PDB file of N, CA and C in Angstrom:
ATOM      1  N   MET A   1       0.826  -1.178   0.000  1.00  0.00           N
ATOM      2  CA  MET A   1       0.000   0.000   0.000  1.00  0.00           C
ATOM      3  C   MET A   1       0.874   1.247   0.000  1.00  0.00           C
ATOM      4  N   GLY A   2       1.914   1.228   0.795  1.00  0.00           N
ATOM      5  CA  GLY A   2       2.815   2.372   0.839  1.00  0.00           C
ATOM      6  C   GLY A   2       3.461   2.640  -0.509  1.00  0.00           C
ATOM      7  N   GLY A   3       3.865   1.586  -1.175  1.00  0.00           N
ATOM      8  CA  GLY A   3       4.474   1.731  -2.486  1.00  0.00           C
ATOM      9  C   GLY A   3       3.501   2.246  -3.528  1.00  0.00           C
ATOM     10  N   LEU A   4       2.267   1.768  -3.471  1.00  0.00           N
ATOM     11  CA  LEU A   4       1.260   2.221  -4.436  1.00  0.00           C
ATOM     12  C   LEU A   4       0.930   3.702  -4.248  1.00  0.00           C
ATOM     13  N   LEU A   5       0.810   4.136  -3.015  1.00  0.00           N
ATOM     14  CA  LEU A   5       0.529   5.553  -2.769  1.00  0.00           C
ATOM     15  C   LEU A   5       1.694   6.442  -3.193  1.00  0.00           C
ATOM     16  N   THR A   6       2.894   6.000  -2.920  1.00  0.00           N
ATOM     17  CA  THR A   6       4.062   6.769  -3.343  1.00  0.00           C
ATOM     18  C   THR A   6       4.137   6.837  -4.859  1.00  0.00           C
ATOM     19  N   LEU A   7       3.914   5.705  -5.516  1.00  0.00           N
ATOM     20  CA  LEU A   7       3.912   5.673  -6.981  1.00  0.00           C
ATOM     21  C   LEU A   7       2.824   6.578  -7.546  1.00  0.00           C
ATOM     22  N   GLY A   8       1.653   6.569  -6.948  1.00  0.00           N
ATOM     23  CA  GLY A   8       0.570   7.440  -7.393  1.00  0.00           C
ATOM     24  C   GLY A   8       0.924   8.907  -7.263  1.00  0.00           C
ATOM     25  N   GLY A   9       1.592   9.271  -6.185  1.00  0.00           N
ATOM     26  CA  GLY A   9       2.038  10.644  -6.008  1.00  0.00           C
ATOM     27  C   GLY A   9       3.063  11.046  -7.056  1.00  0.00           C
ATOM     28  N   LEU A  10       3.970  10.136  -7.356  1.00  0.00           N
ATOM     29  CA  LEU A  10       4.977  10.411  -8.379  1.00  0.00           C
ATOM     30  C   LEU A  10       4.352  10.552  -9.762  1.00  0.00           C
ATOM     31  N   VAL A  11       3.389   9.686 -10.074  1.00  0.00           N
ATOM     32  CA  VAL A  11       2.710   9.762 -11.373  1.00  0.00           C
ATOM     33  C   VAL A  11       1.893  11.050 -11.470  1.00  0.00           C
ATOM     34  N   GLY A  12       1.211  11.423 -10.400  1.00  0.00           N
ATOM     35  CA  GLY A  12       0.446  12.663 -10.387  1.00  0.00           C
ATOM     36  C   GLY A  12       1.330  13.876 -10.625  1.00  0.00           C
ATOM     37  N   TYR A  13       2.519  13.838 -10.060  1.00  0.00           N
ATOM     38  CA  TYR A  13       3.447  14.949 -10.261  1.00  0.00           C
ATOM     39  C   TYR A  13       3.997  14.936 -11.689  1.00  0.00           C
ATOM     40  N   ALA A  14       4.329  13.747 -12.193  1.00  0.00           N
ATOM     41  CA  ALA A  14       4.894  13.645 -13.536  1.00  0.00           C
ATOM     42  C   ALA A  14       3.888  14.063 -14.608  1.00  0.00           C
ATOM     43  N   LYS A  15       2.616  13.710 -14.411  1.00  0.00           N
ATOM     44  CA  LYS A  15       1.600  14.030 -15.419  1.00  0.00           C
ATOM     45  C   LYS A  15       1.157  15.479 -15.367  1.00  0.00           C
ATOM     46  N   GLY A  16       0.947  16.014 -14.183  1.00  0.00           N
ATOM     47  CA  GLY A  16       0.366  17.348 -14.084  1.00  0.00           C
ATOM     48  C   GLY A  16       1.161  18.332 -13.259  1.00  0.00           C
ATOM     49  N   LYS A  17       2.399  17.966 -12.907  1.00  0.00           N
ATOM     50  CA  LYS A  17       3.224  18.835 -12.059  1.00  0.00           C
ATOM     51  C   LYS A  17       2.499  19.215 -10.774  1.00  0.00           C
ATOM     52  N   SER A  18       1.759  18.248 -10.233  1.00  0.00           N
ATOM     53  CA  SER A  18       0.962  18.481  -9.030  1.00  0.00           C
ATOM     54  C   SER A  18       1.814  18.217  -7.788  1.00  0.00           C
ATOM     55  N   LEU A  19       2.294  19.283  -7.173  1.00  0.00           N
ATOM     56  CA  LEU A  19       3.085  19.151  -5.958  1.00  0.00           C
ATOM     57  C   LEU A  19       2.267  18.574  -4.797  1.00  0.00           C
ATOM     58  N   PRO A  20       0.969  18.933  -4.637  1.00  0.00           N
ATOM     59  CA  PRO A  20       0.183  18.296  -3.573  1.00  0.00           C
ATOM     60  C   PRO A  20       0.078  16.769  -3.740  1.00  0.00           C
ATOM     61  N   SER A  21      -0.035  16.303  -4.983  1.00  0.00           N
ATOM     62  CA  SER A  21      -0.082  14.853  -5.210  1.00  0.00           C
ATOM     63  C   SER A  21       1.218  14.196  -4.780  1.00  0.00           C
ATOM     64  N   LEU A  22       2.318  14.826  -5.126  1.00  0.00           N
ATOM     65  CA  LEU A  22       3.627  14.285  -4.757  1.00  0.00           C
ATOM     66  C   LEU A  22       3.789  14.240  -3.241  1.00  0.00           C
ATOM     67  N   LEU A  23       3.469  15.341  -2.578  1.00  0.00           N
ATOM     68  CA  LEU A  23       3.621  15.396  -1.125  1.00  0.00           C
ATOM     69  C   LEU A  23       2.686  14.421  -0.410  1.00  0.00           C
ATOM     70  N   ALA A  24       1.426  14.395  -0.835  1.00  0.00           N
ATOM     71  CA  ALA A  24       0.468  13.496  -0.183  1.00  0.00           C
ATOM     72  C   ALA A  24       0.829  12.039  -0.439  1.00  0.00           C
ATOM     73  N   GLY A  25       1.187  11.715  -1.674  1.00  0.00           N
ATOM     74  CA  GLY A  25       1.538  10.334  -1.996  1.00  0.00           C
ATOM     75  C   GLY A  25       2.741   9.846  -1.214  1.00  0.00           C
ATOM     76  N   CYS A  26       3.783  10.683  -1.154  1.00  0.00           N
ATOM     77  CA  CYS A  26       4.990  10.286  -0.433  1.00  0.00           C
ATOM     78  C   CYS A  26       4.760  10.244   1.081  1.00  0.00           C
ATOM     79  N   THR A  27       4.006  11.204   1.595  1.00  0.00           N
ATOM     80  CA  THR A  27       3.747  11.234   3.041  1.00  0.00           C
ATOM     81  C   THR A  27       2.893  10.049   3.477  1.00  0.00           C
ATOM     82  N   LEU A  28       1.784   9.835   2.769  1.00  0.00           N
ATOM     83  CA  LEU A  28       0.914   8.719   3.153  1.00  0.00           C
ATOM     84  C   LEU A  28       1.563   7.369   2.845  1.00  0.00           C
ATOM     85  N   GLY A  29       2.297   7.306   1.744  1.00  0.00           N
ATOM     86  CA  GLY A  29       3.026   6.074   1.437  1.00  0.00           C
ATOM     87  C   GLY A  29       4.043   5.746   2.514  1.00  0.00           C
ATOM     88  N   GLY A  30       4.766   6.763   2.967  1.00  0.00           N
ATOM     89  CA  GLY A  30       5.724   6.566   4.057  1.00  0.00           C
ATOM     90  C   GLY A  30       5.052   6.172   5.359  1.00  0.00           C
ATOM     91  N   THR A  31       3.879   6.728   5.593  1.00  0.00           N
ATOM     92  CA  THR A  31       3.137   6.382   6.812  1.00  0.00           C
ATOM     93  C   THR A  31       2.698   4.923   6.790  1.00  0.00           C
ATOM     94  N   PHE A  32       2.215   4.460   5.641  1.00  0.00           N
ATOM     95  CA  PHE A  32       1.842   3.044   5.529  1.00  0.00           C
ATOM     96  C   PHE A  32       3.073   2.144   5.655  1.00  0.00           C
ATOM     97  N   ALA A  33       4.200   2.569   5.086  1.00  0.00           N
ATOM     98  CA  ALA A  33       5.429   1.784   5.216  1.00  0.00           C
ATOM     99  C   ALA A  33       5.863   1.705   6.681  1.00  0.00           C
ATOM    100  N   LEU A  34       5.734   2.821   7.396  1.00  0.00           N
ATOM    101  CA  LEU A  34       6.053   2.835   8.825  1.00  0.00           C
ATOM    102  C   LEU A  34       5.140   1.876   9.593  1.00  0.00           C
ATOM    103  N   ALA A  35       3.851   1.911   9.277  1.00  0.00           N
ATOM    104  CA  ALA A  35       2.907   1.000   9.947  1.00  0.00           C
ATOM    105  C   ALA A  35       3.290  -0.458   9.685  1.00  0.00           C
ATOM    106  N   GLY A  36       3.655  -0.767   8.454  1.00  0.00           N
ATOM    107  CA  GLY A  36       4.081  -2.129   8.133  1.00  0.00           C
ATOM    108  C   GLY A  36       5.337  -2.532   8.877  1.00  0.00           C
ATOM    109  N   TYR A  37       6.263  -1.593   8.992  1.00  0.00           N
ATOM    110  CA  TYR A  37       7.500  -1.867   9.727  1.00  0.00           C
ATOM    111  C   TYR A  37       7.210  -2.136  11.199  1.00  0.00           C
ATOM    112  N   VAL A  38       6.370  -1.301  11.804  1.00  0.00           N
ATOM    113  CA  VAL A  38       6.026  -1.484  13.221  1.00  0.00           C
ATOM    114  C   VAL A  38       5.329  -2.830  13.427  1.00  0.00           C
ATOM    115  N   LEU A  39       4.429  -3.167  12.523  1.00  0.00           N
ATOM    116  CA  LEU A  39       3.733  -4.457  12.640  1.00  0.00           C
ATOM    117  C   LEU A  39       4.703  -5.623  12.484  1.00  0.00           C
ATOM    118  N   GLN A  40       5.633  -5.509  11.541  1.00  0.00           N
ATOM    119  CA  GLN A  40       6.592  -6.586  11.316  1.00  0.00           C
ATOM    120  C   GLN A  40       7.512  -6.764  12.520  1.00  0.00           C
ATOM    121  N   GLN A  41       7.945  -5.665  13.118  1.00  0.00           N
ATOM    122  CA  GLN A  41       8.838  -5.748  14.264  1.00  0.00           C
ATOM    123  C   GLN A  41       8.148  -6.326  15.499  1.00  0.00           C
ATOM    124  N   ASN A  42       6.838  -6.224  15.566  1.00  0.00           N
ATOM    125  CA  ASN A  42       6.109  -6.683  16.744  1.00  0.00           C
ATOM    126  C   ASN A  42       5.325  -7.964  16.491  1.00  0.00           C
ATOM    127  N   SER A  43       5.636  -8.654  15.403  1.00  0.00           N
ATOM    128  CA  SER A  43       4.968  -9.923  15.153  1.00  0.00           C
ATOM    129  C   SER A  43       5.819 -11.058  15.716  1.00  0.00           C
ATOM    130  N   GLY A  44       5.230 -12.197  15.855  1.00  0.00           N
ATOM    131  CA  GLY A  44       5.969 -13.356  16.353  1.00  0.00           C
ATOM    132  C   GLY A  44       5.971 -13.432  17.866  1.00  0.00           C
ATOM    133  N   GLU A  45       6.865 -14.266  18.361  1.00  0.00           N
ATOM    134  CA  GLU A  45       6.922 -14.536  19.797  1.00  0.00           C
ATOM    135  C   GLU A  45       7.455 -13.354  20.604  1.00  0.00           C
ATOM    136  N   THR A  46       8.336 -12.562  20.013  1.00  0.00           N
ATOM    137  CA  THR A  46       8.944 -11.470  20.774  1.00  0.00           C
ATOM    138  C   THR A  46       8.150 -10.179  20.690  1.00  0.00           C
ATOM    139  N   GLY A  47       7.111 -10.151  19.883  1.00  0.00           N
ATOM    140  CA  GLY A  47       6.317  -8.936  19.709  1.00  0.00           C
ATOM    141  C   GLY A  47       5.449  -8.637  20.909  1.00  0.00           C
ATOM    142  N   THR A  48       5.059  -7.389  21.009  1.00  0.00           N
ATOM    143  CA  THR A  48       4.195  -6.985  22.110  1.00  0.00           C
ATOM    144  C   THR A  48       2.832  -6.598  21.565  1.00  0.00           C
ATOM    145  N   ALA A  49       1.837  -6.734  22.397  1.00  0.00           N
ATOM    146  CA  ALA A  49       0.482  -6.357  21.982  1.00  0.00           C
ATOM    147  C   ALA A  49       0.388  -4.854  21.761  1.00  0.00           C
ATOM    148  N   SER A  50       1.082  -4.068  22.574  1.00  0.00           N
ATOM    149  CA  SER A  50       1.017  -2.622  22.404  1.00  0.00           C
ATOM    150  C   SER A  50       1.704  -2.196  21.102  1.00  0.00           C
ATOM    151  N   GLY A  51       2.752  -2.894  20.712  1.00  0.00           N
ATOM    152  CA  GLY A  51       3.413  -2.589  19.454  1.00  0.00           C
ATOM    153  C   GLY A  51       2.530  -2.904  18.262  1.00  0.00           C
ATOM    154  N   MET A  52       1.826  -4.006  18.326  1.00  0.00           N
ATOM    155  CA  MET A  52       0.888  -4.351  17.258  1.00  0.00           C
ATOM    156  C   MET A  52      -0.227  -3.317  17.205  1.00  0.00           C
ATOM    157  N   ARG A  53      -0.689  -2.892  18.355  1.00  0.00           N
ATOM    158  CA  ARG A  53      -1.741  -1.876  18.425  1.00  0.00           C
ATOM    159  C   ARG A  53      -1.272  -0.568  17.780  1.00  0.00           C
ATOM    160  N   GLN A  54      -0.042  -0.181  18.059  1.00  0.00           N
ATOM    161  CA  GLN A  54       0.505   1.046  17.476  1.00  0.00           C
ATOM    162  C   GLN A  54       0.565   0.953  15.957  1.00  0.00           C
ATOM    163  N   GLY A  55       0.996  -0.188  15.433  1.00  0.00           N
ATOM    164  CA  GLY A  55       1.060  -0.367  13.985  1.00  0.00           C
ATOM    165  C   GLY A  55      -0.309  -0.278  13.345  1.00  0.00           C
ATOM    166  N   HIS A  56      -1.287  -0.898  13.979  1.00  0.00           N
ATOM    167  CA  HIS A  56      -2.655  -0.835  13.449  1.00  0.00           C
ATOM    168  C   HIS A  56      -3.227   0.577  13.550  1.00  0.00           C
ATOM    169  N   ASP A  57      -2.907   1.273  14.616  1.00  0.00           N
ATOM    170  CA  ASP A  57      -3.387   2.651  14.766  1.00  0.00           C
ATOM    171  C   ASP A  57      -2.813   3.569  13.698  1.00  0.00           C
ATOM    172  N   VAL A  58      -1.528   3.413  13.398  1.00  0.00           N
ATOM    173  CA  VAL A  58      -0.899   4.227  12.354  1.00  0.00           C
ATOM    174  C   VAL A  58      -1.547   3.930  11.000  1.00  0.00           C
ATOM    175  N   ALA A  59      -1.758   2.647  10.705  1.00  0.00           N
ATOM    176  CA  ALA A  59      -2.383   2.264   9.433  1.00  0.00           C
ATOM    177  C   ALA A  59      -3.820   2.766   9.347  1.00  0.00           C
ATOM    178  N   LEU A  60      -4.554   2.704  10.439  1.00  0.00           N
ATOM    179  CA  LEU A  60      -5.929   3.198  10.453  1.00  0.00           C
ATOM    180  C   LEU A  60      -5.968   4.701  10.220  1.00  0.00           C
ATOM    181  N   GLY A  61      -5.068   5.427  10.847  1.00  0.00           N
ATOM    182  CA  GLY A  61      -5.010   6.874  10.644  1.00  0.00           C
ATOM    183  C   GLY A  61      -4.688   7.229   9.200  1.00  0.00           C
ATOM    184  N   ALA A  62      -3.719   6.538   8.619  1.00  0.00           N
ATOM    185  CA  ALA A  62      -3.356   6.799   7.228  1.00  0.00           C
ATOM    186  C   ALA A  62      -4.502   6.433   6.289  1.00  0.00           C
ATOM    187  N   SER A  63      -5.197   5.358   6.574  1.00  0.00           N
ATOM    188  CA  SER A  63      -6.348   4.958   5.750  1.00  0.00           C
ATOM    189  C   SER A  63      -7.460   5.991   5.824  1.00  0.00           C
ATOM    190  N   THR A  64      -7.709   6.500   7.010  1.00  0.00           N
ATOM    191  CA  THR A  64      -8.752   7.504   7.190  1.00  0.00           C
ATOM    192  C   THR A  64      -8.430   8.772   6.411  1.00  0.00           C
ATOM    193  N   VAL A  65      -7.191   9.205   6.480  1.00  0.00           N
ATOM    194  CA  VAL A  65      -6.778  10.395   5.729  1.00  0.00           C
ATOM    195  C   VAL A  65      -6.886  10.143   4.229  1.00  0.00           C
ATOM    196  N   THR A  66      -6.458   8.973   3.780  1.00  0.00           N
ATOM    197  CA  THR A  66      -6.513   8.638   2.352  1.00  0.00           C
ATOM    198  C   THR A  66      -7.942   8.652   1.836  1.00  0.00           C
ATOM    199  N   VAL A  67      -8.842   7.988   2.523  1.00  0.00           N
ATOM    200  CA  VAL A  67     -10.238   7.942   2.089  1.00  0.00           C
ATOM    201  C   VAL A  67     -10.884   9.319   2.186  1.00  0.00           C
ATOM    202  N   GLY A  68     -10.615  10.021   3.268  1.00  0.00           N
ATOM    203  CA  GLY A  68     -11.213  11.346   3.440  1.00  0.00           C
ATOM    204  C   GLY A  68     -10.791  12.335   2.384  1.00  0.00           C
ATOM    205  N   THR A  69      -9.517  12.357   2.046  1.00  0.00           N
ATOM    206  CA  THR A  69      -9.058  13.312   1.044  1.00  0.00           C
ATOM    207  C   THR A  69      -9.495  12.929  -0.356  1.00  0.00           C
ATOM    208  N   SER A  70      -9.507  11.652  -0.674  1.00  0.00           N
ATOM    209  CA  SER A  70      -9.922  11.269  -2.030  1.00  0.00           C
ATOM    210  C   SER A  70     -11.418  11.489  -2.212  1.00  0.00           C
ATOM    211  N   SER A  71     -12.212  11.252  -1.184  1.00  0.00           N
ATOM    212  CA  SER A  71     -13.653  11.478  -1.291  1.00  0.00           C
ATOM    213  C   SER A  71     -13.958  12.962  -1.423  1.00  0.00           C
ATOM    214  N   THR A  72     -13.271  13.780  -0.641  1.00  0.00           N
ATOM    215  CA  THR A  72     -13.484  15.224  -0.692  1.00  0.00           C
ATOM    216  C   THR A  72     -13.083  15.780  -2.048  1.00  0.00           C
ATOM    217  N   ASN A  73     -11.944  15.364  -2.561  1.00  0.00           N
ATOM    218  CA  ASN A  73     -11.487  15.857  -3.857  1.00  0.00           C
ATOM    219  C   ASN A  73     -12.446  15.476  -4.971  1.00  0.00           C
ATOM    220  N   ARG A  74     -12.975  14.293  -4.935  1.00  0.00           N
ATOM    221  CA  ARG A  74     -13.899  13.856  -5.978  1.00  0.00           C
ATOM    222  C   ARG A  74     -15.224  14.615  -5.903  1.00  0.00           C
ATOM    223  N   CYS A  75     -15.658  14.930  -4.717  1.00  0.00           N
ATOM    224  CA  CYS A  75     -16.946  15.615  -4.570  1.00  0.00           C
ATOM    225  C   CYS A  75     -16.846  17.109  -4.846  1.00  0.00           C
ATOM    226  N   ILE A  76     -15.674  17.696  -4.660  1.00  0.00           N
ATOM    227  CA  ILE A  76     -15.511  19.117  -4.931  1.00  0.00           C
ATOM    228  C   ILE A  76     -15.369  19.371  -6.430  1.00  0.00           C
ATOM    229  N   SER A  77     -14.759  18.440  -7.130  1.00  0.00           N
ATOM    230  CA  SER A  77     -14.528  18.637  -8.559  1.00  0.00           C
ATOM    231  C   SER A  77     -15.863  18.626  -9.302  1.00  0.00           C
ATOM    232  N   PRO A  78     -15.892  19.162 -10.538  1.00  0.00           N
ATOM    233  CA  PRO A  78     -17.152  19.207 -11.274  1.00  0.00           C
ATOM    234  C   PRO A  78     -17.638  17.831 -11.729  1.00  0.00           C
ATOM    235  N   CYS A  79     -16.843  16.819 -11.546  1.00  0.00           N
ATOM    236  CA  CYS A  79     -17.249  15.468 -11.937  1.00  0.00           C
ATOM    237  C   CYS A  79     -18.287  14.931 -10.947  1.00  0.00           C
ATOM    238  N   VAL A  80     -18.974  13.912 -11.347  1.00  0.00           N
ATOM    239  CA  VAL A  80     -19.955  13.258 -10.489  1.00  0.00           C
ATOM    240  C   VAL A  80     -19.218  12.397  -9.473  1.00  0.00           C
ATOM    241  N   CYS A  81     -19.676  12.426  -8.232  1.00  0.00           N
ATOM    242  CA  CYS A  81     -19.085  11.602  -7.193  1.00  0.00           C
ATOM    243  C   CYS A  81     -19.267  10.129  -7.535  1.00  0.00           C
ATOM    244  N   PRO A  82     -18.349   9.269  -7.055  1.00  0.00           N
ATOM    245  CA  PRO A  82     -18.492   7.851  -7.333  1.00  0.00           C
ATOM    246  C   PRO A  82     -19.714   7.222  -6.654  1.00  0.00           C
ATOM    247  N   ALA A  83     -20.209   7.849  -5.578  1.00  0.00           N
ATOM    248  CA  ALA A  83     -21.376   7.309  -4.889  1.00  0.00           C
ATOM    249  C   ALA A  83     -22.643   7.694  -5.640  1.00  0.00           C
ATOM    250  N   SER A  84     -23.518   6.757  -5.796  1.00  0.00           N
ATOM    251  CA  SER A  84     -24.780   7.079  -6.460  1.00  0.00           C
ATOM    252  C   SER A  84     -25.857   6.128  -5.960  1.00  0.00           C
ATOM    253  N   ASP A  85     -27.080   6.526  -6.175  1.00  0.00           N
ATOM    254  CA  ASP A  85     -28.212   5.667  -5.861  1.00  0.00           C
ATOM    255  C   ASP A  85     -28.482   4.845  -7.110  1.00  0.00           C
ATOM    256  N   THR A  86     -27.983   3.622  -7.121  1.00  0.00           N
ATOM    257  CA  THR A  86     -28.078   2.811  -8.328  1.00  0.00           C
ATOM    258  C   THR A  86     -29.510   2.364  -8.613  1.00  0.00           C
ATOM    259  N   ARG A  87     -30.338   2.323  -7.592  1.00  0.00           N
ATOM    260  CA  ARG A  87     -31.724   1.918  -7.835  1.00  0.00           C
ATOM    261  C   ARG A  87     -32.462   2.953  -8.668  1.00  0.00           C
ATOM    262  N   ALA A  88     -32.203   4.221  -8.382  1.00  0.00           N
ATOM    263  CA  ALA A  88     -32.875   5.280  -9.110  1.00  0.00           C
ATOM    264  C   ALA A  88     -32.025   5.805 -10.264  1.00  0.00           C
ATOM    265  N   GLY A  89     -30.743   5.433 -10.280  1.00  0.00           N
ATOM    266  CA  GLY A  89     -29.842   5.901 -11.319  1.00  0.00           C
ATOM    267  C   GLY A  89     -29.509   7.374 -11.179  1.00  0.00           C
ATOM    268  N   ILE A  90     -29.590   7.893  -9.959  1.00  0.00           N
ATOM    269  CA  ILE A  90     -29.358   9.319  -9.722  1.00  0.00           C
ATOM    270  C   ILE A  90     -27.970   9.469  -9.102  1.00  0.00           C
ATOM    271  N   PRO A  91     -27.027  10.120  -9.811  1.00  0.00           N
ATOM    272  CA  PRO A  91     -25.719  10.344  -9.198  1.00  0.00           C
ATOM    273  C   PRO A  91     -25.789  11.423  -8.131  1.00  0.00           C
ATOM    274  N   LEU A  92     -25.026  11.240  -7.079  1.00  0.00           N
ATOM    275  CA  LEU A  92     -24.981  12.218  -5.991  1.00  0.00           C
ATOM    276  C   LEU A  92     -23.815  13.139  -6.211  1.00  0.00           C
ATOM    277  N   GLN A  93     -24.013  14.418  -6.043  1.00  0.00           N
ATOM    278  CA  GLN A  93     -22.922  15.383  -6.167  1.00  0.00           C
ATOM    279  C   GLN A  93     -22.729  16.093  -4.847  1.00  0.00           C
ATOM    280  N   GLY A  94     -21.454  16.458  -4.572  1.00  0.00           N
ATOM    281  CA  GLY A  94     -21.127  17.102  -3.295  1.00  0.00           C
ATOM    282  C   GLY A  94     -21.285  18.582  -3.343  1.00  0.00           C
TER     283      GLY A  94
END
């Protein structure tokens, strides 16, 4: 996940010179990598429950930021939000 977010930030910068994409991708990618490292160091017999908790908390925080920012960006743009009422076929806009 960390690698994909970092790659996405790099591609966003390469395609549109978007510095926010680069910063967000690298920051969130690094945060996910940190969470993975913390989880890996605290797995197995020598790991601690509090260390595993910290790794999950970091990953949850990064996930929340990722979903929140991508949802907000999609709803602010003039495009239709990905969420829609499929029964009525009515797209929801933010």
